[in-house]
Amino acid sequence: MFERAKENFKFTRKKLEHAKSYFDEGDLAESVHYIWVVFENCINIVKDIKNNKPLHEHKGKVELFKFYHSLGHLKKDYSETFAKLLKLRITADFGDYGNSPKIPEKKVVKEFLDDAISLFNEVERLFKKA
């Protein structure tokens, strides 16, 4: 499992760079998509590092963010941010065809991006301890 987490971490680093790049270019929808990808992968990496339960036994990702925060593995509870991103990524991926909230203004997307960077850094610290 640790090898899978290691490979996924490299992949996630690239996706974080995509999120930053699209944000800098002003493409907020693409940035939101990649921010969501970073969150999704980071919680999977934490799960792989902290326990090796089979995938069919896993909890919902919002719940996992709360859980790993409560155990002290994550310094911040990212569950609310992730819950928002779950809805926004539908709009990011499908535009007006999705029945989801509109992509927020740049200031709000920047807050999501900052959280993605913070989460990624926390996961990186977990790797160093593992």
N, C-alpha and C. Protein backbone atom coordinates (compact mmCIF):
# COMPACT_ATOMS: atom_id res chain seq x y z
N MET A 1 0.82 -1.20 0.00
CA MET A 1 0.00 0.00 0.00
C MET A 1 0.86 1.26 0.00
N PHE A 2 2.00 1.21 0.70
CA PHE A 2 2.83 2.40 0.80
C PHE A 2 3.37 2.81 -0.57
N GLU A 3 3.71 1.85 -1.41
CA GLU A 3 4.20 2.17 -2.75
C GLU A 3 3.12 2.89 -3.56
N ARG A 4 1.89 2.42 -3.42
CA ARG A 4 0.78 3.07 -4.12
C ARG A 4 0.65 4.51 -3.65
N ALA A 5 0.75 4.73 -2.35
CA ALA A 5 0.66 6.08 -1.79
C ALA A 5 1.81 6.96 -2.30
N LYS A 6 2.96 6.38 -2.40
CA LYS A 6 4.14 7.11 -2.87
C LYS A 6 3.95 7.57 -4.33
N GLU A 7 3.47 6.68 -5.16
CA GLU A 7 3.22 7.03 -6.57
C GLU A 7 2.10 8.07 -6.68
N ASN A 8 1.06 7.89 -5.88
CA ASN A 8 -0.06 8.82 -5.90
C ASN A 8 0.38 10.20 -5.42
N PHE A 9 1.32 10.25 -4.49
CA PHE A 9 1.83 11.52 -4.00
C PHE A 9 2.53 12.28 -5.13
N LYS A 10 3.34 11.60 -5.91
CA LYS A 10 4.00 12.24 -7.06
C LYS A 10 2.97 12.77 -8.05
N PHE A 11 1.97 11.96 -8.32
CA PHE A 11 0.88 12.35 -9.22
C PHE A 11 0.16 13.59 -8.69
N THR A 12 -0.11 13.59 -7.40
CA THR A 12 -0.85 14.68 -6.77
C THR A 12 -0.05 15.97 -6.79
N ARG A 13 1.26 15.88 -6.64
CA ARG A 13 2.12 17.07 -6.73
C ARG A 13 1.93 17.74 -8.10
N LYS A 14 1.88 16.94 -9.15
CA LYS A 14 1.67 17.48 -10.50
C LYS A 14 0.30 18.13 -10.62
N LYS A 15 -0.70 17.52 -10.04
CA LYS A 15 -2.06 18.08 -10.11
C LYS A 15 -2.15 19.39 -9.33
N LEU A 16 -1.42 19.51 -8.24
CA LEU A 16 -1.38 20.76 -7.49
C LEU A 16 -0.75 21.85 -8.35
N GLU A 17 0.28 21.51 -9.08
CA GLU A 17 0.90 22.49 -9.98
C GLU A 17 -0.08 22.92 -11.07
N HIS A 18 -0.87 21.98 -11.57
CA HIS A 18 -1.91 22.33 -12.55
C HIS A 18 -2.92 23.30 -11.94
N ALA A 19 -3.33 23.03 -10.71
CA ALA A 19 -4.30 23.90 -10.03
C ALA A 19 -3.75 25.31 -9.91
N LYS A 20 -2.49 25.43 -9.53
CA LYS A 20 -1.86 26.75 -9.39
C LYS A 20 -1.77 27.45 -10.74
N SER A 21 -1.36 26.70 -11.74
CA SER A 21 -1.19 27.26 -13.08
C SER A 21 -2.51 27.79 -13.64
N TYR A 22 -3.55 26.98 -13.56
CA TYR A 22 -4.86 27.41 -14.07
C TYR A 22 -5.39 28.60 -13.27
N PHE A 23 -5.13 28.62 -11.97
CA PHE A 23 -5.55 29.77 -11.17
C PHE A 23 -4.85 31.03 -11.65
N ASP A 24 -3.53 30.92 -11.86
CA ASP A 24 -2.75 32.08 -12.32
C ASP A 24 -3.22 32.57 -13.69
N GLU A 25 -3.68 31.63 -14.53
CA GLU A 25 -4.19 32.00 -15.86
C GLU A 25 -5.61 32.55 -15.81
N GLY A 26 -6.26 32.44 -14.65
CA GLY A 26 -7.63 32.93 -14.51
C GLY A 26 -8.70 31.93 -14.90
N ASP A 27 -8.30 30.69 -15.15
CA ASP A 27 -9.27 29.64 -15.47
C ASP A 27 -9.71 28.97 -14.16
N LEU A 28 -10.69 29.59 -13.53
CA LEU A 28 -11.11 29.14 -12.20
C LEU A 28 -11.77 27.78 -12.21
N ALA A 29 -12.50 27.45 -13.26
CA ALA A 29 -13.15 26.14 -13.34
C ALA A 29 -12.10 25.03 -13.37
N GLU A 30 -11.09 25.17 -14.19
CA GLU A 30 -10.03 24.15 -14.25
C GLU A 30 -9.26 24.09 -12.93
N SER A 31 -9.04 25.25 -12.34
CA SER A 31 -8.34 25.29 -11.06
C SER A 31 -9.15 24.53 -10.00
N VAL A 32 -10.46 24.77 -9.94
CA VAL A 32 -11.32 24.06 -8.98
C VAL A 32 -11.26 22.56 -9.24
N HIS A 33 -11.29 22.16 -10.49
CA HIS A 33 -11.21 20.73 -10.81
C HIS A 33 -9.93 20.12 -10.22
N TYR A 34 -8.81 20.75 -10.46
CA TYR A 34 -7.55 20.20 -9.98
C TYR A 34 -7.40 20.31 -8.46
N ILE A 35 -7.97 21.33 -7.86
CA ILE A 35 -7.97 21.44 -6.40
C ILE A 35 -8.73 20.25 -5.81
N TRP A 36 -9.89 19.94 -6.40
CA TRP A 36 -10.65 18.78 -5.96
C TRP A 36 -9.83 17.50 -6.11
N VAL A 37 -9.13 17.35 -7.22
CA VAL A 37 -8.28 16.17 -7.45
C VAL A 37 -7.23 16.05 -6.35
N VAL A 38 -6.62 17.17 -5.99
CA VAL A 38 -5.61 17.17 -4.92
C VAL A 38 -6.23 16.69 -3.60
N PHE A 39 -7.38 17.24 -3.25
CA PHE A 39 -8.06 16.82 -2.01
C PHE A 39 -8.39 15.33 -2.06
N GLU A 40 -8.97 14.90 -3.14
CA GLU A 40 -9.37 13.50 -3.30
C GLU A 40 -8.17 12.56 -3.13
N ASN A 41 -7.09 12.89 -3.80
CA ASN A 41 -5.90 12.04 -3.73
C ASN A 41 -5.21 12.13 -2.38
N CYS A 42 -5.16 13.31 -1.80
CA CYS A 42 -4.51 13.45 -0.49
C CYS A 42 -5.18 12.60 0.57
N ILE A 43 -6.50 12.57 0.60
CA ILE A 43 -7.16 11.76 1.63
C ILE A 43 -6.94 10.27 1.37
N ASN A 44 -6.85 9.88 0.10
CA ASN A 44 -6.53 8.49 -0.22
C ASN A 44 -5.11 8.14 0.22
N ILE A 45 -4.19 9.08 0.07
CA ILE A 45 -2.80 8.85 0.49
C ILE A 45 -2.74 8.69 2.01
N VAL A 46 -3.43 9.57 2.73
CA VAL A 46 -3.45 9.47 4.19
C VAL A 46 -4.02 8.13 4.60
N LYS A 47 -5.08 7.73 3.96
CA LYS A 47 -5.70 6.44 4.26
C LYS A 47 -4.70 5.30 4.04
N ASP A 48 -3.98 5.35 2.94
CA ASP A 48 -2.98 4.31 2.66
C ASP A 48 -1.85 4.31 3.70
N ILE A 49 -1.43 5.49 4.11
CA ILE A 49 -0.34 5.58 5.08
C ILE A 49 -0.78 5.08 6.46
N LYS A 50 -1.99 5.43 6.86
CA LYS A 50 -2.43 5.17 8.23
C LYS A 50 -3.11 3.82 8.44
N ASN A 51 -3.70 3.26 7.44
CA ASN A 51 -4.27 1.92 7.59
C ASN A 51 -4.37 1.26 6.23
N ASN A 52 -4.40 -0.03 6.24
CA ASN A 52 -4.41 -0.76 4.97
C ASN A 52 -5.71 -1.52 4.77
N LYS A 53 -6.82 -0.95 5.21
CA LYS A 53 -8.10 -1.64 5.03
C LYS A 53 -8.45 -1.71 3.56
N PRO A 54 -9.10 -2.76 3.17
CA PRO A 54 -9.54 -2.87 1.78
C PRO A 54 -10.49 -1.72 1.42
N LEU A 55 -10.52 -1.38 0.16
CA LEU A 55 -11.33 -0.26 -0.29
C LEU A 55 -12.81 -0.41 0.04
N HIS A 56 -13.33 -1.62 0.07
CA HIS A 56 -14.76 -1.80 0.33
C HIS A 56 -15.14 -1.48 1.77
N GLU A 57 -14.15 -1.28 2.63
CA GLU A 57 -14.43 -0.95 4.03
C GLU A 57 -14.25 0.54 4.33
N HIS A 58 -14.07 1.36 3.32
CA HIS A 58 -13.75 2.75 3.62
C HIS A 58 -14.98 3.62 3.85
N LYS A 59 -14.75 4.71 4.57
CA LYS A 59 -15.80 5.68 4.88
C LYS A 59 -15.84 6.72 3.76
N GLY A 60 -16.89 7.55 3.79
CA GLY A 60 -16.96 8.66 2.85
C GLY A 60 -15.80 9.62 3.08
N LYS A 61 -15.40 10.30 2.05
CA LYS A 61 -14.21 11.16 2.14
C LYS A 61 -14.40 12.35 3.08
N VAL A 62 -15.59 12.95 3.09
CA VAL A 62 -15.83 14.06 4.02
C VAL A 62 -15.64 13.56 5.45
N GLU A 63 -16.18 12.39 5.72
CA GLU A 63 -16.04 11.78 7.04
C GLU A 63 -14.58 11.45 7.36
N LEU A 64 -13.84 11.02 6.35
CA LEU A 64 -12.42 10.70 6.57
C LEU A 64 -11.61 11.93 6.93
N PHE A 65 -11.91 13.06 6.29
CA PHE A 65 -11.20 14.29 6.66
C PHE A 65 -11.43 14.62 8.13
N LYS A 66 -12.67 14.50 8.59
CA LYS A 66 -12.98 14.75 10.00
C LYS A 66 -12.26 13.74 10.90
N PHE A 67 -12.31 12.48 10.49
CA PHE A 67 -11.73 11.39 11.28
C PHE A 67 -10.22 11.57 11.46
N TYR A 68 -9.51 11.80 10.37
CA TYR A 68 -8.05 11.93 10.49
C TYR A 68 -7.64 13.22 11.20
N HIS A 69 -8.48 14.23 11.13
CA HIS A 69 -8.23 15.43 11.92
C HIS A 69 -8.43 15.13 13.41
N SER A 70 -9.49 14.41 13.73
CA SER A 70 -9.77 14.10 15.15
C SER A 70 -8.68 13.24 15.77
N LEU A 71 -8.02 12.42 14.96
CA LEU A 71 -6.91 11.59 15.44
C LEU A 71 -5.59 12.35 15.51
N GLY A 72 -5.59 13.57 14.97
CA GLY A 72 -4.37 14.37 14.98
C GLY A 72 -3.45 14.13 13.80
N HIS A 73 -3.88 13.32 12.85
CA HIS A 73 -3.05 13.08 11.67
C HIS A 73 -3.04 14.30 10.75
N LEU A 74 -4.16 15.00 10.71
CA LEU A 74 -4.24 16.26 9.96
C LEU A 74 -4.45 17.39 10.97
N LYS A 75 -3.68 18.44 10.83
CA LYS A 75 -3.78 19.56 11.76
C LYS A 75 -5.08 20.33 11.58
N LYS A 76 -5.56 20.38 10.37
CA LYS A 76 -6.77 21.13 10.05
C LYS A 76 -7.88 20.17 9.62
N ASP A 77 -9.11 20.54 9.93
CA ASP A 77 -10.26 19.76 9.46
C ASP A 77 -10.67 20.33 8.10
N TYR A 78 -10.38 19.60 7.06
CA TYR A 78 -10.65 20.03 5.68
C TYR A 78 -12.01 19.55 5.19
N SER A 79 -12.82 18.96 6.06
CA SER A 79 -14.06 18.32 5.62
C SER A 79 -15.04 19.31 4.98
N GLU A 80 -15.19 20.49 5.53
CA GLU A 80 -16.13 21.46 4.95
C GLU A 80 -15.68 21.93 3.58
N THR A 81 -14.40 22.19 3.47
CA THR A 81 -13.86 22.61 2.17
C THR A 81 -14.07 21.52 1.14
N PHE A 82 -13.77 20.28 1.52
CA PHE A 82 -13.94 19.17 0.58
C PHE A 82 -15.40 19.01 0.18
N ALA A 83 -16.31 19.17 1.13
CA ALA A 83 -17.75 19.05 0.83
C ALA A 83 -18.16 20.11 -0.21
N LYS A 84 -17.64 21.30 -0.10
CA LYS A 84 -17.93 22.36 -1.09
C LYS A 84 -17.34 22.00 -2.44
N LEU A 85 -16.10 21.49 -2.41
CA LEU A 85 -15.43 21.13 -3.66
C LEU A 85 -16.15 19.99 -4.39
N LEU A 86 -16.74 19.07 -3.64
CA LEU A 86 -17.49 17.98 -4.26
C LEU A 86 -18.59 18.52 -5.16
N LYS A 87 -19.27 19.55 -4.70
CA LYS A 87 -20.35 20.15 -5.49
C LYS A 87 -19.79 21.01 -6.62
N LEU A 88 -18.76 21.79 -6.32
CA LEU A 88 -18.20 22.70 -7.32
C LEU A 88 -17.50 21.97 -8.46
N ARG A 89 -16.93 20.83 -8.18
CA ARG A 89 -16.21 20.12 -9.24
C ARG A 89 -17.17 19.64 -10.33
N ILE A 90 -18.43 19.43 -10.00
CA ILE A 90 -19.42 19.06 -11.02
C ILE A 90 -19.60 20.22 -11.99
N THR A 91 -19.71 21.41 -11.44
CA THR A 91 -19.80 22.60 -12.30
C THR A 91 -18.51 22.78 -13.08
N ALA A 92 -17.38 22.58 -12.42
CA ALA A 92 -16.08 22.73 -13.09
C ALA A 92 -15.96 21.76 -14.26
N ASP A 93 -16.46 20.55 -14.08
CA ASP A 93 -16.33 19.53 -15.12
C ASP A 93 -17.43 19.59 -16.18
N PHE A 94 -18.63 20.02 -15.80
CA PHE A 94 -19.75 19.96 -16.73
C PHE A 94 -20.38 21.31 -17.05
N GLY A 95 -19.85 22.38 -16.46
CA GLY A 95 -20.38 23.72 -16.75
C GLY A 95 -21.83 23.84 -16.34
N ASP A 96 -22.57 24.54 -17.16
CA ASP A 96 -23.98 24.78 -16.85
C ASP A 96 -24.85 23.53 -16.96
N TYR A 97 -24.30 22.44 -17.46
CA TYR A 97 -25.07 21.20 -17.56
C TYR A 97 -25.18 20.50 -16.21
N GLY A 98 -24.33 20.88 -15.28
CA GLY A 98 -24.38 20.30 -13.94
C GLY A 98 -25.36 21.07 -13.07
N ASN A 99 -26.04 20.38 -12.20
CA ASN A 99 -26.98 21.01 -11.29
C ASN A 99 -26.25 21.32 -9.98
N SER A 100 -25.33 22.28 -10.05
CA SER A 100 -24.46 22.60 -8.92
C SER A 100 -24.25 24.10 -8.84
N PRO A 101 -23.66 24.55 -7.73
CA PRO A 101 -23.40 25.98 -7.59
C PRO A 101 -22.42 26.48 -8.65
N LYS A 102 -22.49 27.77 -8.92
CA LYS A 102 -21.57 28.40 -9.88
C LYS A 102 -20.16 28.43 -9.28
N ILE A 103 -19.16 28.48 -10.13
CA ILE A 103 -17.79 28.62 -9.67
C ILE A 103 -17.68 29.97 -8.97
N PRO A 104 -17.16 29.98 -7.75
CA PRO A 104 -17.09 31.24 -7.00
C PRO A 104 -16.03 32.20 -7.57
N GLU A 105 -16.01 33.39 -7.01
CA GLU A 105 -15.06 34.41 -7.46
C GLU A 105 -13.63 33.98 -7.10
N LYS A 106 -12.69 34.66 -7.71
CA LYS A 106 -11.27 34.31 -7.60
C LYS A 106 -10.80 34.25 -6.14
N LYS A 107 -11.27 35.17 -5.32
CA LYS A 107 -10.86 35.21 -3.91
C LYS A 107 -11.21 33.91 -3.19
N VAL A 108 -12.39 33.37 -3.46
CA VAL A 108 -12.83 32.13 -2.82
C VAL A 108 -12.03 30.94 -3.36
N VAL A 109 -11.81 30.92 -4.66
CA VAL A 109 -11.01 29.84 -5.25
C VAL A 109 -9.59 29.87 -4.69
N LYS A 110 -9.07 31.06 -4.45
CA LYS A 110 -7.73 31.20 -3.85
C LYS A 110 -7.71 30.57 -2.46
N GLU A 111 -8.78 30.73 -1.70
CA GLU A 111 -8.86 30.09 -0.38
C GLU A 111 -8.83 28.57 -0.51
N PHE A 112 -9.55 28.05 -1.51
CA PHE A 112 -9.52 26.60 -1.76
C PHE A 112 -8.12 26.15 -2.15
N LEU A 113 -7.47 26.93 -3.01
CA LEU A 113 -6.11 26.60 -3.44
C LEU A 113 -5.15 26.62 -2.25
N ASP A 114 -5.28 27.62 -1.40
CA ASP A 114 -4.43 27.69 -0.21
C ASP A 114 -4.64 26.47 0.69
N ASP A 115 -5.89 26.04 0.82
CA ASP A 115 -6.17 24.83 1.60
C ASP A 115 -5.57 23.59 0.94
N ALA A 116 -5.62 23.53 -0.37
CA ALA A 116 -5.03 22.39 -1.09
C ALA A 116 -3.52 22.34 -0.86
N ILE A 117 -2.89 23.49 -0.89
CA ILE A 117 -1.44 23.56 -0.64
C ILE A 117 -1.14 23.13 0.79
N SER A 118 -1.93 23.62 1.73
CA SER A 118 -1.75 23.26 3.13
C SER A 118 -1.94 21.76 3.35
N LEU A 119 -2.99 21.21 2.77
CA LEU A 119 -3.26 19.78 2.88
C LEU A 119 -2.11 18.97 2.28
N PHE A 120 -1.66 19.35 1.11
CA PHE A 120 -0.56 18.65 0.47
C PHE A 120 0.68 18.66 1.36
N ASN A 121 0.97 19.81 1.96
CA ASN A 121 2.13 19.91 2.85
C ASN A 121 1.97 19.03 4.08
N GLU A 122 0.75 18.93 4.60
CA GLU A 122 0.51 18.03 5.74
C GLU A 122 0.75 16.58 5.35
N VAL A 123 0.29 16.21 4.17
CA VAL A 123 0.49 14.83 3.69
C VAL A 123 1.98 14.56 3.49
N GLU A 124 2.69 15.53 3.00
CA GLU A 124 4.13 15.37 2.82
C GLU A 124 4.82 15.12 4.16
N ARG A 125 4.39 15.82 5.20
CA ARG A 125 4.95 15.60 6.54
C ARG A 125 4.64 14.19 7.04
N LEU A 126 3.44 13.69 6.73
CA LEU A 126 3.09 12.32 7.12
C LEU A 126 4.02 11.31 6.45
N PHE A 127 4.38 11.57 5.21
CA PHE A 127 5.31 10.68 4.50
C PHE A 127 6.64 10.64 5.21
N LYS A 128 7.11 11.78 5.65
CA LYS A 128 8.42 11.83 6.30
C LYS A 128 8.40 11.08 7.62
N LYS A 129 7.25 11.02 8.28
CA LYS A 129 7.13 10.29 9.55
C LYS A 129 6.95 8.80 9.33
N ALA A 130 6.39 8.43 8.18
CA ALA A 130 6.07 7.01 7.92
C ALA A 130 7.29 6.16 7.69
